[in-house]
Amino acid sequence: MAKLPLLFFLLFLSLKSGGNMIMVNGQKTWCVAKPSSDQATLLSNLNYACSHVDCRVLQKGCPCSSPENLMNRASIAMNLYYRSKGTDHWNCDFRGSALVVVTDPSYGNCIYA
């Protein structure tokens, strides 16, 4: 079995089990917005997540304030929510507009927790 399909299979099994999602096959997980999400959904996710967690890391001058696009900002906020509420798959659903990933989305000085 190819490495990528195996990874998705393991992710599916972990999601199916309802277990804690901090590790998948020994790897840490993050919550990000689906690339197919529309702007209204991203804005709604950003607002929802930031109404429940501290999103100061997105303020101008902070490490995650750039690039300033909605996909990036929503993903950071959604991951903050996912981390703060527990890394169970239901904390990274956002009405089907989010993905649990095993590739660290951090960039530059913006470190996804």
PDB file of N, CA and C in Angstrom:
ATOM      1  N   MET A   1       0.861  -1.184   0.000  1.00  0.00           N
ATOM      2  CA  MET A   1       0.000   0.000   0.000  1.00  0.00           C
ATOM      3  C   MET A   1       0.898   1.235   0.000  1.00  0.00           C
ATOM      4  N   ALA A   2       0.581   2.192  -0.821  1.00  0.00           N
ATOM      5  CA  ALA A   2       1.366   3.418  -0.907  1.00  0.00           C
ATOM      6  C   ALA A   2       1.318   4.176   0.411  1.00  0.00           C
ATOM      7  N   LYS A   3       2.323   4.976   0.652  1.00  0.00           N
ATOM      8  CA  LYS A   3       2.449   5.694   1.915  1.00  0.00           C
ATOM      9  C   LYS A   3       1.290   6.676   2.157  1.00  0.00           C
ATOM     10  N   LEU A   4       0.908   7.462   1.148  1.00  0.00           N
ATOM     11  CA  LEU A   4      -0.154   8.449   1.313  1.00  0.00           C
ATOM     12  C   LEU A   4      -1.503   7.804   1.610  1.00  0.00           C
ATOM     13  N   PRO A   5      -1.962   6.786   0.824  1.00  0.00           N
ATOM     14  CA  PRO A   5      -3.240   6.145   1.156  1.00  0.00           C
ATOM     15  C   PRO A   5      -3.219   5.519   2.550  1.00  0.00           C
ATOM     16  N   LEU A   6      -2.087   4.955   2.953  1.00  0.00           N
ATOM     17  CA  LEU A   6      -1.984   4.379   4.292  1.00  0.00           C
ATOM     18  C   LEU A   6      -2.181   5.454   5.347  1.00  0.00           C
ATOM     19  N   LEU A   7      -1.598   6.616   5.131  1.00  0.00           N
ATOM     20  CA  LEU A   7      -1.740   7.723   6.069  1.00  0.00           C
ATOM     21  C   LEU A   7      -3.202   8.136   6.201  1.00  0.00           C
ATOM     22  N   PHE A   8      -3.901   8.267   5.065  1.00  0.00           N
ATOM     23  CA  PHE A   8      -5.317   8.615   5.103  1.00  0.00           C
ATOM     24  C   PHE A   8      -6.138   7.523   5.777  1.00  0.00           C
ATOM     25  N   PHE A   9      -5.780   6.265   5.549  1.00  0.00           N
ATOM     26  CA  PHE A   9      -6.466   5.151   6.196  1.00  0.00           C
ATOM     27  C   PHE A   9      -6.289   5.225   7.712  1.00  0.00           C
ATOM     28  N   LEU A  10      -5.075   5.493   8.143  1.00  0.00           N
ATOM     29  CA  LEU A  10      -4.818   5.605   9.588  1.00  0.00           C
ATOM     30  C   LEU A  10      -5.563   6.792  10.184  1.00  0.00           C
ATOM     31  N   LEU A  11      -5.611   7.898   9.450  1.00  0.00           N
ATOM     32  CA  LEU A  11      -6.352   9.063   9.915  1.00  0.00           C
ATOM     33  C   LEU A  11      -7.831   8.723  10.039  1.00  0.00           C
ATOM     34  N   PHE A  12      -8.369   8.005   9.040  1.00  0.00           N
ATOM     35  CA  PHE A  12      -9.768   7.583   9.079  1.00  0.00           C
ATOM     36  C   PHE A  12     -10.022   6.702  10.297  1.00  0.00           C
ATOM     37  N   LEU A  13      -9.153   5.739  10.554  1.00  0.00           N
ATOM     38  CA  LEU A  13      -9.338   4.857  11.705  1.00  0.00           C
ATOM     39  C   LEU A  13      -9.325   5.643  13.007  1.00  0.00           C
ATOM     40  N   SER A  14      -8.438   6.597  13.109  1.00  0.00           N
ATOM     41  CA  SER A  14      -8.373   7.406  14.323  1.00  0.00           C
ATOM     42  C   SER A  14      -9.634   8.237  14.479  1.00  0.00           C
ATOM     43  N   LEU A  15     -10.124   8.812  13.384  1.00  0.00           N
ATOM     44  CA  LEU A  15     -11.362   9.587  13.443  1.00  0.00           C
ATOM     45  C   LEU A  15     -12.533   8.691  13.806  1.00  0.00           C
ATOM     46  N   LYS A  16     -12.579   7.517  13.217  1.00  0.00           N
ATOM     47  CA  LYS A  16     -13.663   6.578  13.446  1.00  0.00           C
ATOM     48  C   LYS A  16     -13.697   6.138  14.906  1.00  0.00           C
ATOM     49  N   SER A  17     -12.534   6.004  15.519  1.00  0.00           N
ATOM     50  CA  SER A  17     -12.469   5.533  16.900  1.00  0.00           C
ATOM     51  C   SER A  17     -12.964   6.575  17.885  1.00  0.00           C
ATOM     52  N   GLY A  18     -13.002   7.847  17.462  1.00  0.00           N
ATOM     53  CA  GLY A  18     -13.446   8.905  18.360  1.00  0.00           C
ATOM     54  C   GLY A  18     -12.406   9.250  19.406  1.00  0.00           C
ATOM     55  N   GLY A  19     -11.212   8.741  19.219  1.00  0.00           N
ATOM     56  CA  GLY A  19     -10.158   8.965  20.199  1.00  0.00           C
ATOM     57  C   GLY A  19      -9.546  10.336  20.090  1.00  0.00           C
ATOM     58  N   ASN A  20      -8.660  10.635  21.013  1.00  0.00           N
ATOM     59  CA  ASN A  20      -7.964  11.907  21.014  1.00  0.00           C
ATOM     60  C   ASN A  20      -7.117  12.010  19.761  1.00  0.00           C
ATOM     61  N   MET A  21      -7.148  13.150  19.094  1.00  0.00           N
ATOM     62  CA  MET A  21      -6.495  13.309  17.800  1.00  0.00           C
ATOM     63  C   MET A  21      -5.117  13.961  17.881  1.00  0.00           C
ATOM     64  N   ILE A  22      -4.529  14.067  19.054  1.00  0.00           N
ATOM     65  CA  ILE A  22      -3.235  14.731  19.132  1.00  0.00           C
ATOM     66  C   ILE A  22      -2.179  13.971  18.330  1.00  0.00           C
ATOM     67  N   MET A  23      -2.318  12.673  18.213  1.00  0.00           N
ATOM     68  CA  MET A  23      -1.352  11.883  17.465  1.00  0.00           C
ATOM     69  C   MET A  23      -2.091  10.953  16.515  1.00  0.00           C
ATOM     70  N   VAL A  24      -1.591  10.848  15.303  1.00  0.00           N
ATOM     71  CA  VAL A  24      -2.076   9.883  14.327  1.00  0.00           C
ATOM     72  C   VAL A  24      -0.847   9.118  13.879  1.00  0.00           C
ATOM     73  N   ASN A  25      -0.838   7.834  14.160  1.00  0.00           N
ATOM     74  CA  ASN A  25       0.307   7.001  13.809  1.00  0.00           C
ATOM     75  C   ASN A  25       1.606   7.636  14.320  1.00  0.00           C
ATOM     76  N   GLY A  26       1.547   8.166  15.533  1.00  0.00           N
ATOM     77  CA  GLY A  26       2.721   8.780  16.149  1.00  0.00           C
ATOM     78  C   GLY A  26       3.000  10.194  15.690  1.00  0.00           C
ATOM     79  N   GLN A  27       2.104  10.793  14.903  1.00  0.00           N
ATOM     80  CA  GLN A  27       2.315  12.137  14.401  1.00  0.00           C
ATOM     81  C   GLN A  27       1.310  13.103  15.006  1.00  0.00           C
ATOM     82  N   LYS A  28       1.755  14.332  15.258  1.00  0.00           N
ATOM     83  CA  LYS A  28       0.889  15.390  15.747  1.00  0.00           C
ATOM     84  C   LYS A  28      -0.079  15.810  14.643  1.00  0.00           C
ATOM     85  N   THR A  29      -1.245  16.323  15.024  1.00  0.00           N
ATOM     86  CA  THR A  29      -2.232  16.761  14.042  1.00  0.00           C
ATOM     87  C   THR A  29      -2.558  18.242  14.228  1.00  0.00           C
ATOM     88  N   TRP A  30      -3.058  18.852  13.138  1.00  0.00           N
ATOM     89  CA  TRP A  30      -3.485  20.239  13.134  1.00  0.00           C
ATOM     90  C   TRP A  30      -4.813  20.329  12.410  1.00  0.00           C
ATOM     91  N   CYS A  31      -5.545  21.390  12.665  1.00  0.00           N
ATOM     92  CA  CYS A  31      -6.823  21.635  12.015  1.00  0.00           C
ATOM     93  C   CYS A  31      -6.670  22.843  11.092  1.00  0.00           C
ATOM     94  N   VAL A  32      -7.031  22.673   9.827  1.00  0.00           N
ATOM     95  CA  VAL A  32      -6.945  23.767   8.864  1.00  0.00           C
ATOM     96  C   VAL A  32      -8.221  23.825   8.027  1.00  0.00           C
ATOM     97  N   ALA A  33      -8.439  24.949   7.400  1.00  0.00           N
ATOM     98  CA  ALA A  33      -9.594  25.123   6.519  1.00  0.00           C
ATOM     99  C   ALA A  33      -9.401  24.315   5.239  1.00  0.00           C
ATOM    100  N   LYS A  34     -10.492  23.740   4.746  1.00  0.00           N
ATOM    101  CA  LYS A  34     -10.439  23.054   3.453  1.00  0.00           C
ATOM    102  C   LYS A  34     -10.187  24.095   2.368  1.00  0.00           C
ATOM    103  N   PRO A  35      -9.292  23.789   1.443  1.00  0.00           N
ATOM    104  CA  PRO A  35      -9.012  24.728   0.354  1.00  0.00           C
ATOM    105  C   PRO A  35     -10.247  25.084  -0.477  1.00  0.00           C
ATOM    106  N   SER A  36     -11.244  24.221  -0.491  1.00  0.00           N
ATOM    107  CA  SER A  36     -12.457  24.476  -1.277  1.00  0.00           C
ATOM    108  C   SER A  36     -13.470  25.371  -0.558  1.00  0.00           C
ATOM    109  N   SER A  37     -13.161  25.791   0.668  1.00  0.00           N
ATOM    110  CA  SER A  37     -14.092  26.621   1.438  1.00  0.00           C
ATOM    111  C   SER A  37     -14.262  27.991   0.806  1.00  0.00           C
ATOM    112  N   ASP A  38     -15.504  28.471   0.783  1.00  0.00           N
ATOM    113  CA  ASP A  38     -15.756  29.806   0.219  1.00  0.00           C
ATOM    114  C   ASP A  38     -15.447  30.883   1.259  1.00  0.00           C
ATOM    115  N   GLN A  39     -15.375  32.114   0.801  1.00  0.00           N
ATOM    116  CA  GLN A  39     -15.004  33.239   1.660  1.00  0.00           C
ATOM    117  C   GLN A  39     -15.974  33.431   2.834  1.00  0.00           C
ATOM    118  N   ALA A  40     -17.268  33.267   2.600  1.00  0.00           N
ATOM    119  CA  ALA A  40     -18.257  33.440   3.672  1.00  0.00           C
ATOM    120  C   ALA A  40     -18.055  32.393   4.761  1.00  0.00           C
ATOM    121  N   THR A  41     -17.773  31.165   4.363  1.00  0.00           N
ATOM    122  CA  THR A  41     -17.536  30.092   5.334  1.00  0.00           C
ATOM    123  C   THR A  41     -16.267  30.358   6.125  1.00  0.00           C
ATOM    124  N   LEU A  42     -15.216  30.776   5.446  1.00  0.00           N
ATOM    125  CA  LEU A  42     -13.952  31.083   6.131  1.00  0.00           C
ATOM    126  C   LEU A  42     -14.148  32.201   7.141  1.00  0.00           C
ATOM    127  N   LEU A  43     -14.871  33.240   6.751  1.00  0.00           N
ATOM    128  CA  LEU A  43     -15.118  34.360   7.664  1.00  0.00           C
ATOM    129  C   LEU A  43     -15.943  33.907   8.860  1.00  0.00           C
ATOM    130  N   SER A  44     -16.942  33.082   8.625  1.00  0.00           N
ATOM    131  CA  SER A  44     -17.759  32.550   9.707  1.00  0.00           C
ATOM    132  C   SER A  44     -16.917  31.705  10.661  1.00  0.00           C
ATOM    133  N   ASN A  45     -16.046  30.860  10.113  1.00  0.00           N
ATOM    134  CA  ASN A  45     -15.171  30.026  10.943  1.00  0.00           C
ATOM    135  C   ASN A  45     -14.203  30.876  11.761  1.00  0.00           C
ATOM    136  N   LEU A  46     -13.639  31.876  11.122  1.00  0.00           N
ATOM    137  CA  LEU A  46     -12.722  32.791  11.810  1.00  0.00           C
ATOM    138  C   LEU A  46     -13.426  33.480  12.970  1.00  0.00           C
ATOM    139  N   ASN A  47     -14.599  34.023  12.712  1.00  0.00           N
ATOM    140  CA  ASN A  47     -15.349  34.718  13.764  1.00  0.00           C
ATOM    141  C   ASN A  47     -15.767  33.778  14.883  1.00  0.00           C
ATOM    142  N   TYR A  48     -16.227  32.584  14.530  1.00  0.00           N
ATOM    143  CA  TYR A  48     -16.647  31.612  15.547  1.00  0.00           C
ATOM    144  C   TYR A  48     -15.467  31.208  16.427  1.00  0.00           C
ATOM    145  N   ALA A  49     -14.375  30.812  15.789  1.00  0.00           N
ATOM    146  CA  ALA A  49     -13.209  30.359  16.558  1.00  0.00           C
ATOM    147  C   ALA A  49     -12.690  31.469  17.466  1.00  0.00           C
ATOM    148  N   CYS A  50     -12.586  32.684  16.928  1.00  0.00           N
ATOM    149  CA  CYS A  50     -12.044  33.796  17.717  1.00  0.00           C
ATOM    150  C   CYS A  50     -13.001  34.285  18.795  1.00  0.00           C
ATOM    151  N   SER A  51     -14.267  33.892  18.725  1.00  0.00           N
ATOM    152  CA  SER A  51     -15.195  34.227  19.811  1.00  0.00           C
ATOM    153  C   SER A  51     -15.040  33.256  20.979  1.00  0.00           C
ATOM    154  N   HIS A  52     -14.274  32.180  20.761  1.00  0.00           N
ATOM    155  CA  HIS A  52     -14.077  31.169  21.801  1.00  0.00           C
ATOM    156  C   HIS A  52     -12.629  31.038  22.276  1.00  0.00           C
ATOM    157  N   VAL A  53     -11.692  31.543  21.489  1.00  0.00           N
ATOM    158  CA  VAL A  53     -10.272  31.447  21.854  1.00  0.00           C
ATOM    159  C   VAL A  53      -9.585  32.783  21.622  1.00  0.00           C
ATOM    160  N   ASP A  54      -8.412  32.932  22.178  1.00  0.00           N
ATOM    161  CA  ASP A  54      -7.618  34.147  22.032  1.00  0.00           C
ATOM    162  C   ASP A  54      -6.915  34.140  20.672  1.00  0.00           C
ATOM    163  N   CYS A  55      -7.305  35.032  19.801  1.00  0.00           N
ATOM    164  CA  CYS A  55      -6.737  35.120  18.449  1.00  0.00           C
ATOM    165  C   CYS A  55      -5.772  36.296  18.292  1.00  0.00           C
ATOM    166  N   ARG A  56      -5.189  36.745  19.381  1.00  0.00           N
ATOM    167  CA  ARG A  56      -4.267  37.888  19.294  1.00  0.00           C
ATOM    168  C   ARG A  56      -3.094  37.626  18.362  1.00  0.00           C
ATOM    169  N   VAL A  57      -2.746  36.378  18.152  1.00  0.00           N
ATOM    170  CA  VAL A  57      -1.626  36.023  17.277  1.00  0.00           C
ATOM    171  C   VAL A  57      -1.878  36.484  15.835  1.00  0.00           C
ATOM    172  N   LEU A  58      -3.131  36.826  15.516  1.00  0.00           N
ATOM    173  CA  LEU A  58      -3.479  37.300  14.178  1.00  0.00           C
ATOM    174  C   LEU A  58      -3.394  38.820  14.038  1.00  0.00           C
ATOM    175  N   GLN A  59      -3.181  39.539  15.150  1.00  0.00           N
ATOM    176  CA  GLN A  59      -3.130  40.996  15.103  1.00  0.00           C
ATOM    177  C   GLN A  59      -1.899  41.477  14.339  1.00  0.00           C
ATOM    178  N   LYS A  60      -2.014  42.638  13.739  1.00  0.00           N
ATOM    179  CA  LYS A  60      -0.886  43.232  13.004  1.00  0.00           C
ATOM    180  C   LYS A  60       0.361  43.240  13.880  1.00  0.00           C
ATOM    181  N   GLY A  61       1.472  42.880  13.270  1.00  0.00           N
ATOM    182  CA  GLY A  61       2.742  42.872  13.975  1.00  0.00           C
ATOM    183  C   GLY A  61       3.049  41.552  14.657  1.00  0.00           C
ATOM    184  N   CYS A  62       2.082  40.673  14.781  1.00  0.00           N
ATOM    185  CA  CYS A  62       2.304  39.362  15.390  1.00  0.00           C
ATOM    186  C   CYS A  62       2.769  38.376  14.319  1.00  0.00           C
ATOM    187  N   PRO A  63       3.436  37.306  14.728  1.00  0.00           N
ATOM    188  CA  PRO A  63       4.026  36.379  13.760  1.00  0.00           C
ATOM    189  C   PRO A  63       3.045  35.791  12.748  1.00  0.00           C
ATOM    190  N   CYS A  64       1.775  35.642  13.089  1.00  0.00           N
ATOM    191  CA  CYS A  64       0.817  35.005  12.189  1.00  0.00           C
ATOM    192  C   CYS A  64      -0.091  36.005  11.472  1.00  0.00           C
ATOM    193  N   SER A  65       0.276  37.287  11.516  1.00  0.00           N
ATOM    194  CA  SER A  65      -0.561  38.311  10.872  1.00  0.00           C
ATOM    195  C   SER A  65      -0.329  38.388   9.367  1.00  0.00           C
ATOM    196  N   SER A  66       0.706  37.738   8.888  1.00  0.00           N
ATOM    197  CA  SER A  66       1.028  37.776   7.471  1.00  0.00           C
ATOM    198  C   SER A  66       1.264  36.352   6.973  1.00  0.00           C
ATOM    199  N   PRO A  67       0.844  35.962   5.802  1.00  0.00           N
ATOM    200  CA  PRO A  67       0.128  36.785   4.843  1.00  0.00           C
ATOM    201  C   PRO A  67      -1.304  37.031   5.299  1.00  0.00           C
ATOM    202  N   GLU A  68      -1.807  38.157   4.906  1.00  0.00           N
ATOM    203  CA  GLU A  68      -3.130  38.577   5.358  1.00  0.00           C
ATOM    204  C   GLU A  68      -4.195  38.141   4.359  1.00  0.00           C
ATOM    205  N   ASN A  69      -4.512  36.840   4.399  1.00  0.00           N
ATOM    206  CA  ASN A  69      -5.600  36.343   3.561  1.00  0.00           C
ATOM    207  C   ASN A  69      -6.529  35.498   4.430  1.00  0.00           C
ATOM    208  N   LEU A  70      -7.754  35.385   4.010  1.00  0.00           N
ATOM    209  CA  LEU A  70      -8.787  34.752   4.825  1.00  0.00           C
ATOM    210  C   LEU A  70      -8.527  33.266   5.062  1.00  0.00           C
ATOM    211  N   MET A  71      -8.025  32.559   4.069  1.00  0.00           N
ATOM    212  CA  MET A  71      -7.724  31.127   4.229  1.00  0.00           C
ATOM    213  C   MET A  71      -6.698  30.933   5.343  1.00  0.00           C
ATOM    214  N   ASN A  72      -5.657  31.727   5.322  1.00  0.00           N
ATOM    215  CA  ASN A  72      -4.603  31.649   6.321  1.00  0.00           C
ATOM    216  C   ASN A  72      -5.131  31.994   7.716  1.00  0.00           C
ATOM    217  N   ARG A  73      -5.831  33.099   7.818  1.00  0.00           N
ATOM    218  CA  ARG A  73      -6.334  33.558   9.119  1.00  0.00           C
ATOM    219  C   ARG A  73      -7.345  32.568   9.705  1.00  0.00           C
ATOM    220  N   ALA A  74      -8.242  32.056   8.866  1.00  0.00           N
ATOM    221  CA  ALA A  74      -9.239  31.099   9.344  1.00  0.00           C
ATOM    222  C   ALA A  74      -8.562  29.819   9.814  1.00  0.00           C
ATOM    223  N   SER A  75      -7.579  29.332   9.077  1.00  0.00           N
ATOM    224  CA  SER A  75      -6.878  28.104   9.460  1.00  0.00           C
ATOM    225  C   SER A  75      -6.195  28.251  10.810  1.00  0.00           C
ATOM    226  N   ILE A  76      -5.555  29.386  11.031  1.00  0.00           N
ATOM    227  CA  ILE A  76      -4.879  29.617  12.317  1.00  0.00           C
ATOM    228  C   ILE A  76      -5.905  29.648  13.447  1.00  0.00           C
ATOM    229  N   ALA A  77      -6.991  30.366  13.258  1.00  0.00           N
ATOM    230  CA  ALA A  77      -8.030  30.446  14.293  1.00  0.00           C
ATOM    231  C   ALA A  77      -8.673  29.083  14.541  1.00  0.00           C
ATOM    232  N   MET A  78      -8.944  28.345  13.477  1.00  0.00           N
ATOM    233  CA  MET A  78      -9.566  27.032  13.620  1.00  0.00           C
ATOM    234  C   MET A  78      -8.637  26.075  14.378  1.00  0.00           C
ATOM    235  N   ASN A  79      -7.337  26.166  14.102  1.00  0.00           N
ATOM    236  CA  ASN A  79      -6.389  25.314  14.817  1.00  0.00           C
ATOM    237  C   ASN A  79      -6.297  25.709  16.295  1.00  0.00           C
ATOM    238  N   LEU A  80      -6.347  27.001  16.580  1.00  0.00           N
ATOM    239  CA  LEU A  80      -6.356  27.450  17.982  1.00  0.00           C
ATOM    240  C   LEU A  80      -7.570  26.876  18.714  1.00  0.00           C
ATOM    241  N   TYR A  81      -8.719  26.905  18.055  1.00  0.00           N
ATOM    242  CA  TYR A  81      -9.948  26.343  18.631  1.00  0.00           C
ATOM    243  C   TYR A  81      -9.785  24.836  18.849  1.00  0.00           C
ATOM    244  N   TYR A  82      -9.309  24.130  17.844  1.00  0.00           N
ATOM    245  CA  TYR A  82      -9.073  22.680  17.902  1.00  0.00           C
ATOM    246  C   TYR A  82      -8.183  22.322  19.075  1.00  0.00           C
ATOM    247  N   ARG A  83      -7.108  23.057  19.257  1.00  0.00           N
ATOM    248  CA  ARG A  83      -6.187  22.805  20.374  1.00  0.00           C
ATOM    249  C   ARG A  83      -6.842  23.094  21.729  1.00  0.00           C
ATOM    250  N   SER A  84      -7.562  24.210  21.817  1.00  0.00           N
ATOM    251  CA  SER A  84      -8.108  24.618  23.115  1.00  0.00           C
ATOM    252  C   SER A  84      -9.275  23.752  23.568  1.00  0.00           C
ATOM    253  N   LYS A  85     -10.018  23.201  22.639  1.00  0.00           N
ATOM    254  CA  LYS A  85     -11.200  22.402  22.975  1.00  0.00           C
ATOM    255  C   LYS A  85     -10.897  20.921  23.065  1.00  0.00           C
ATOM    256  N   GLY A  86      -9.694  20.544  22.769  1.00  0.00           N
ATOM    257  CA  GLY A  86      -9.328  19.133  22.745  1.00  0.00           C
ATOM    258  C   GLY A  86      -9.203  18.721  21.301  1.00  0.00           C
ATOM    259  N   THR A  87      -8.245  17.925  21.004  1.00  0.00           N
ATOM    260  CA  THR A  87      -7.954  17.602  19.615  1.00  0.00           C
ATOM    261  C   THR A  87      -8.755  16.401  19.123  1.00  0.00           C
ATOM    262  N   ASP A  88     -10.013  16.349  19.487  1.00  0.00           N
ATOM    263  CA  ASP A  88     -10.911  15.325  18.974  1.00  0.00           C
ATOM    264  C   ASP A  88     -11.446  15.787  17.626  1.00  0.00           C
ATOM    265  N   HIS A  89     -11.745  14.848  16.742  1.00  0.00           N
ATOM    266  CA  HIS A  89     -12.135  15.197  15.373  1.00  0.00           C
ATOM    267  C   HIS A  89     -13.321  16.142  15.317  1.00  0.00           C
ATOM    268  N   TRP A  90     -14.240  16.072  16.267  1.00  0.00           N
ATOM    269  CA  TRP A  90     -15.406  16.959  16.222  1.00  0.00           C
ATOM    270  C   TRP A  90     -15.050  18.413  16.523  1.00  0.00           C
ATOM    271  N   ASN A  91     -13.879  18.652  17.082  1.00  0.00           N
ATOM    272  CA  ASN A  91     -13.431  20.026  17.309  1.00  0.00           C
ATOM    273  C   ASN A  91     -12.740  20.613  16.082  1.00  0.00           C
ATOM    274  N   CYS A  92     -12.687  19.833  15.006  1.00  0.00           N
ATOM    275  CA  CYS A  92     -12.155  20.304  13.724  1.00  0.00           C
ATOM    276  C   CYS A  92     -13.135  19.908  12.628  1.00  0.00           C
ATOM    277  N   ASP A  93     -14.374  20.302  12.801  1.00  0.00           N
ATOM    278  CA  ASP A  93     -15.373  20.004  11.780  1.00  0.00           C
ATOM    279  C   ASP A  93     -15.802  21.280  11.060  1.00  0.00           C
ATOM    280  N   PHE A  94     -16.211  22.276  11.831  1.00  0.00           N
ATOM    281  CA  PHE A  94     -16.631  23.555  11.278  1.00  0.00           C
ATOM    282  C   PHE A  94     -17.590  23.347  10.100  1.00  0.00           C
ATOM    283  N   ARG A  95     -18.624  22.556  10.390  1.00  0.00           N
ATOM    284  CA  ARG A  95     -19.666  22.232   9.393  1.00  0.00           C
ATOM    285  C   ARG A  95     -19.085  21.654   8.106  1.00  0.00           C
ATOM    286  N   GLY A  96     -18.086  20.806   8.274  1.00  0.00           N
ATOM    287  CA  GLY A  96     -17.496  20.117   7.123  1.00  0.00           C
ATOM    288  C   GLY A  96     -16.508  20.937   6.324  1.00  0.00           C
ATOM    289  N   SER A  97     -16.088  22.080   6.846  1.00  0.00           N
ATOM    290  CA  SER A  97     -15.186  22.950   6.089  1.00  0.00           C
ATOM    291  C   SER A  97     -13.749  22.926   6.601  1.00  0.00           C
ATOM    292  N   ALA A  98     -13.401  21.894   7.372  1.00  0.00           N
ATOM    293  CA  ALA A  98     -12.054  21.813   7.943  1.00  0.00           C
ATOM    294  C   ALA A  98     -11.462  20.426   7.708  1.00  0.00           C
ATOM    295  N   LEU A  99     -10.165  20.359   7.820  1.00  0.00           N
ATOM    296  CA  LEU A  99      -9.433  19.107   7.678  1.00  0.00           C
ATOM    297  C   LEU A  99      -8.478  18.928   8.844  1.00  0.00           C
ATOM    298  N   VAL A 100      -8.335  17.697   9.314  1.00  0.00           N
ATOM    299  CA  VAL A 100      -7.276  17.357  10.260  1.00  0.00           C
ATOM    300  C   VAL A 100      -6.106  16.896   9.408  1.00  0.00           C
ATOM    301  N   VAL A 101      -4.954  17.525   9.596  1.00  0.00           N
ATOM    302  CA  VAL A 101      -3.775  17.205   8.796  1.00  0.00           C
ATOM    303  C   VAL A 101      -2.622  16.768   9.693  1.00  0.00           C
ATOM    304  N   VAL A 102      -1.686  16.034   9.116  1.00  0.00           N
ATOM    305  CA  VAL A 102      -0.508  15.598   9.860  1.00  0.00           C
ATOM    306  C   VAL A 102       0.752  16.329   9.413  1.00  0.00           C
ATOM    307  N   THR A 103       0.614  17.208   8.429  1.00  0.00           N
ATOM    308  CA  THR A 103       1.728  18.039   7.988  1.00  0.00           C
ATOM    309  C   THR A 103       1.634  19.378   8.689  1.00  0.00           C
ATOM    310  N   ASP A 104       2.691  19.740   9.387  1.00  0.00           N
ATOM    311  CA  ASP A 104       2.717  20.986  10.146  1.00  0.00           C
ATOM    312  C   ASP A 104       2.526  22.185   9.217  1.00  0.00           C
ATOM    313  N   PRO A 105       1.439  22.959   9.410  1.00  0.00           N
ATOM    314  CA  PRO A 105       1.188  24.121   8.551  1.00  0.00           C
ATOM    315  C   PRO A 105       1.966  25.378   8.963  1.00  0.00           C
ATOM    316  N   SER A 106       2.808  25.272   9.981  1.00  0.00           N
ATOM    317  CA  SER A 106       3.593  26.433  10.442  1.00  0.00           C
ATOM    318  C   SER A 106       4.441  26.981   9.314  1.00  0.00           C
ATOM    319  N   TYR A 107       4.715  28.272   9.362  1.00  0.00           N
ATOM    320  CA  TYR A 107       5.547  28.920   8.360  1.00  0.00           C
ATOM    321  C   TYR A 107       6.271  30.088   9.016  1.00  0.00           C
ATOM    322  N   GLY A 108       7.478  30.344   8.576  1.00  0.00           N
ATOM    323  CA  GLY A 108       8.263  31.451   9.131  1.00  0.00           C
ATOM    324  C   GLY A 108       8.252  31.434  10.639  1.00  0.00           C
ATOM    325  N   ASN A 109       7.866  32.554  11.246  1.00  0.00           N
ATOM    326  CA  ASN A 109       7.774  32.651  12.706  1.00  0.00           C
ATOM    327  C   ASN A 109       6.373  32.330  13.225  1.00  0.00           C
ATOM    328  N   CYS A 110       5.462  31.962  12.326  1.00  0.00           N
ATOM    329  CA  CYS A 110       4.105  31.598  12.732  1.00  0.00           C
ATOM    330  C   CYS A 110       4.063  30.096  13.005  1.00  0.00           C
ATOM    331  N   ILE A 111       4.056  29.761  14.272  1.00  0.00           N
ATOM    332  CA  ILE A 111       4.083  28.366  14.692  1.00  0.00           C
ATOM    333  C   ILE A 111       2.690  27.949  15.119  1.00  0.00           C
ATOM    334  N   TYR A 112       2.132  26.996  14.408  1.00  0.00           N
ATOM    335  CA  TYR A 112       0.839  26.423  14.813  1.00  0.00           C
ATOM    336  C   TYR A 112       1.110  25.569  16.049  1.00  0.00           C
ATOM    337  N   ALA A 113       0.346  25.790  17.097  1.00  0.00           N
ATOM    338  CA  ALA A 113       0.572  25.064  18.352  1.00  0.00           C
ATOM    339  C   ALA A 113       0.326  23.587  18.171  1.00  0.00           C
TER     340      ALA A 113
END
